[in-house]
Amino acid sequence: MFSFLKNIGPTELIIIGVILIVFFGSKKIAGLGKAGGETVREVKKIKKELSGAMDEVKEDDTKEEVEN
């Protein structure tokens, strides 16, 4: 579906960036970048919490098997 993205070079990315700045303005683009970074950080935090919870469940299961 997105195989066309492999053919985009640096020149095309610069052109797309300039068009975005013209349409939305640099402040709006910076705000979107900041929001995107915060989103990625939050997703990583949730992933870490979930993997920690899964490890705890695995440890509990292992302890119960050893006790039986």
N, C-alpha and C. Protein backbone atom coordinates (compact mmCIF):
# COMPACT_ATOMS: atom_id res chain seq x y z
N MET A 1 0.82 -1.20 0.00
CA MET A 1 0.00 0.00 0.00
C MET A 1 0.87 1.27 0.00
N PHE A 2 1.90 1.28 0.84
CA PHE A 2 2.75 2.46 0.92
C PHE A 2 4.10 2.22 0.27
N SER A 3 4.14 1.38 -0.74
CA SER A 3 5.40 1.06 -1.40
C SER A 3 5.98 2.28 -2.13
N PHE A 4 5.15 3.25 -2.46
CA PHE A 4 5.64 4.45 -3.14
C PHE A 4 6.55 5.28 -2.24
N LEU A 5 6.47 5.09 -0.90
CA LEU A 5 7.30 5.85 0.02
C LEU A 5 8.78 5.49 -0.12
N LYS A 6 9.08 4.30 -0.64
CA LYS A 6 10.47 3.90 -0.83
C LYS A 6 11.14 4.73 -1.91
N ASN A 7 10.37 5.30 -2.80
CA ASN A 7 10.93 6.05 -3.92
C ASN A 7 11.06 7.54 -3.65
N ILE A 8 10.71 7.98 -2.43
CA ILE A 8 10.81 9.41 -2.11
C ILE A 8 12.23 9.71 -1.67
N GLY A 9 12.84 10.67 -2.34
CA GLY A 9 14.21 11.05 -2.03
C GLY A 9 14.26 12.32 -1.18
N PRO A 10 15.47 12.79 -0.89
CA PRO A 10 15.62 13.99 -0.05
C PRO A 10 15.03 15.25 -0.68
N THR A 11 15.12 15.36 -1.99
CA THR A 11 14.56 16.54 -2.65
C THR A 11 13.05 16.61 -2.48
N GLU A 12 12.40 15.48 -2.64
CA GLU A 12 10.94 15.44 -2.48
C GLU A 12 10.54 15.75 -1.04
N LEU A 13 11.32 15.24 -0.07
CA LEU A 13 11.02 15.53 1.34
C LEU A 13 11.16 17.01 1.66
N ILE A 14 12.18 17.65 1.08
CA ILE A 14 12.36 19.09 1.28
C ILE A 14 11.19 19.86 0.69
N ILE A 15 10.76 19.49 -0.48
CA ILE A 15 9.63 20.15 -1.13
C ILE A 15 8.36 19.98 -0.29
N ILE A 16 8.12 18.77 0.21
CA ILE A 16 6.95 18.52 1.06
C ILE A 16 7.04 19.35 2.33
N GLY A 17 8.23 19.44 2.92
CA GLY A 17 8.41 20.24 4.13
C GLY A 17 8.12 21.71 3.90
N VAL A 18 8.59 22.25 2.79
CA VAL A 18 8.34 23.66 2.46
C VAL A 18 6.85 23.90 2.26
N ILE A 19 6.18 22.99 1.58
CA ILE A 19 4.74 23.13 1.36
C ILE A 19 4.00 23.11 2.69
N LEU A 20 4.38 22.21 3.60
CA LEU A 20 3.74 22.16 4.92
C LEU A 20 3.94 23.46 5.70
N ILE A 21 5.15 24.00 5.64
CA ILE A 21 5.42 25.27 6.35
C ILE A 21 4.60 26.40 5.76
N VAL A 22 4.46 26.43 4.45
CA VAL A 22 3.67 27.49 3.80
C VAL A 22 2.21 27.39 4.21
N PHE A 23 1.66 26.16 4.21
CA PHE A 23 0.25 25.99 4.54
C PHE A 23 -0.05 26.17 6.02
N PHE A 24 0.79 25.61 6.88
CA PHE A 24 0.46 25.58 8.30
C PHE A 24 1.26 26.56 9.15
N GLY A 25 2.38 27.00 8.70
CA GLY A 25 3.21 27.91 9.48
C GLY A 25 4.18 27.13 10.35
N SER A 26 5.31 27.75 10.65
CA SER A 26 6.36 27.04 11.38
C SER A 26 5.96 26.75 12.82
N LYS A 27 5.18 27.63 13.45
CA LYS A 27 4.77 27.39 14.84
C LYS A 27 3.85 26.18 14.95
N LYS A 28 2.95 26.05 14.02
CA LYS A 28 2.03 24.91 14.02
C LYS A 28 2.79 23.62 13.78
N ILE A 29 3.76 23.64 12.85
CA ILE A 29 4.57 22.45 12.57
C ILE A 29 5.38 22.07 13.80
N ALA A 30 5.97 23.04 14.49
CA ALA A 30 6.75 22.76 15.70
C ALA A 30 5.85 22.16 16.78
N GLY A 31 4.64 22.68 16.91
CA GLY A 31 3.70 22.13 17.88
C GLY A 31 3.31 20.70 17.57
N LEU A 32 3.13 20.41 16.28
CA LEU A 32 2.81 19.04 15.88
C LEU A 32 3.98 18.10 16.17
N GLY A 33 5.19 18.57 15.94
CA GLY A 33 6.37 17.75 16.23
C GLY A 33 6.49 17.46 17.71
N LYS A 34 6.22 18.48 18.52
CA LYS A 34 6.28 18.31 19.97
C LYS A 34 5.22 17.31 20.43
N ALA A 35 4.02 17.45 19.92
CA ALA A 35 2.94 16.53 20.27
C ALA A 35 3.26 15.11 19.83
N GLY A 36 3.85 14.97 18.67
CA GLY A 36 4.25 13.65 18.19
C GLY A 36 5.31 13.02 19.08
N GLY A 37 6.27 13.81 19.52
CA GLY A 37 7.30 13.31 20.43
C GLY A 37 6.73 12.87 21.76
N GLU A 38 5.79 13.67 22.29
CA GLU A 38 5.14 13.30 23.56
C GLU A 38 4.34 12.02 23.40
N THR A 39 3.70 11.85 22.27
CA THR A 39 2.92 10.64 22.01
C THR A 39 3.83 9.42 21.97
N VAL A 40 4.95 9.53 21.27
CA VAL A 40 5.89 8.42 21.19
C VAL A 40 6.42 8.08 22.58
N ARG A 41 6.74 9.09 23.37
CA ARG A 41 7.23 8.87 24.73
C ARG A 41 6.19 8.15 25.58
N GLU A 42 4.95 8.56 25.46
CA GLU A 42 3.86 7.94 26.23
C GLU A 42 3.64 6.48 25.80
N VAL A 43 3.71 6.22 24.52
CA VAL A 43 3.54 4.84 24.02
C VAL A 43 4.66 3.95 24.56
N LYS A 44 5.90 4.46 24.56
CA LYS A 44 7.02 3.69 25.09
C LYS A 44 6.84 3.41 26.58
N LYS A 45 6.33 4.40 27.31
CA LYS A 45 6.08 4.24 28.75
C LYS A 45 5.03 3.15 28.99
N ILE A 46 3.95 3.18 28.23
CA ILE A 46 2.89 2.18 28.36
C ILE A 46 3.42 0.80 28.01
N LYS A 47 4.22 0.71 26.94
CA LYS A 47 4.81 -0.57 26.53
C LYS A 47 5.68 -1.13 27.64
N LYS A 48 6.48 -0.28 28.28
CA LYS A 48 7.35 -0.72 29.36
C LYS A 48 6.52 -1.21 30.55
N GLU A 49 5.45 -0.50 30.89
CA GLU A 49 4.59 -0.91 32.00
C GLU A 49 3.91 -2.25 31.70
N LEU A 50 3.44 -2.42 30.48
CA LEU A 50 2.78 -3.68 30.12
C LEU A 50 3.75 -4.85 30.14
N SER A 51 4.95 -4.64 29.63
CA SER A 51 5.92 -5.74 29.64
C SER A 51 6.32 -6.08 31.07
N GLY A 52 6.40 -5.08 31.95
CA GLY A 52 6.68 -5.34 33.35
C GLY A 52 5.57 -6.13 34.01
N ALA A 53 4.33 -5.79 33.71
CA ALA A 53 3.19 -6.51 34.25
C ALA A 53 3.17 -7.95 33.73
N MET A 54 3.49 -8.14 32.46
CA MET A 54 3.53 -9.49 31.90
C MET A 54 4.62 -10.33 32.57
N ASP A 55 5.77 -9.71 32.84
CA ASP A 55 6.85 -10.43 33.52
C ASP A 55 6.42 -10.85 34.93
N GLU A 56 5.69 -9.97 35.64
CA GLU A 56 5.20 -10.30 36.97
C GLU A 56 4.23 -11.48 36.93
N VAL A 57 3.36 -11.50 35.93
CA VAL A 57 2.40 -12.59 35.80
C VAL A 57 3.14 -13.90 35.52
N LYS A 58 4.14 -13.84 34.65
CA LYS A 58 4.93 -15.04 34.34
C LYS A 58 5.64 -15.56 35.59
N GLU A 59 6.21 -14.65 36.40
CA GLU A 59 6.89 -15.04 37.62
C GLU A 59 5.91 -15.69 38.60
N ASP A 60 4.72 -15.11 38.73
CA ASP A 60 3.70 -15.67 39.62
C ASP A 60 3.30 -17.07 39.18
N ASP A 61 3.12 -17.25 37.88
CA ASP A 61 2.76 -18.56 37.35
C ASP A 61 3.85 -19.58 37.62
N THR A 62 5.10 -19.18 37.45
CA THR A 62 6.23 -20.08 37.68
C THR A 62 6.30 -20.48 39.15
N LYS A 63 6.08 -19.51 40.06
CA LYS A 63 6.10 -19.80 41.49
C LYS A 63 4.98 -20.77 41.87
N GLU A 64 3.81 -20.61 41.29
CA GLU A 64 2.70 -21.50 41.60
C GLU A 64 2.98 -22.92 41.10
N GLU A 65 3.63 -23.05 39.96
CA GLU A 65 3.94 -24.37 39.41
C GLU A 65 4.97 -25.07 40.30
N VAL A 66 5.95 -24.30 40.80
CA VAL A 66 6.99 -24.88 41.65
C VAL A 66 6.38 -25.34 42.98
N GLU A 67 5.45 -24.57 43.52
CA GLU A 67 4.83 -24.91 44.80
C GLU A 67 3.96 -26.16 44.68
N ASN A 68 3.35 -26.39 43.53
CA ASN A 68 2.48 -27.55 43.35
C ASN A 68 3.29 -28.71 43.02
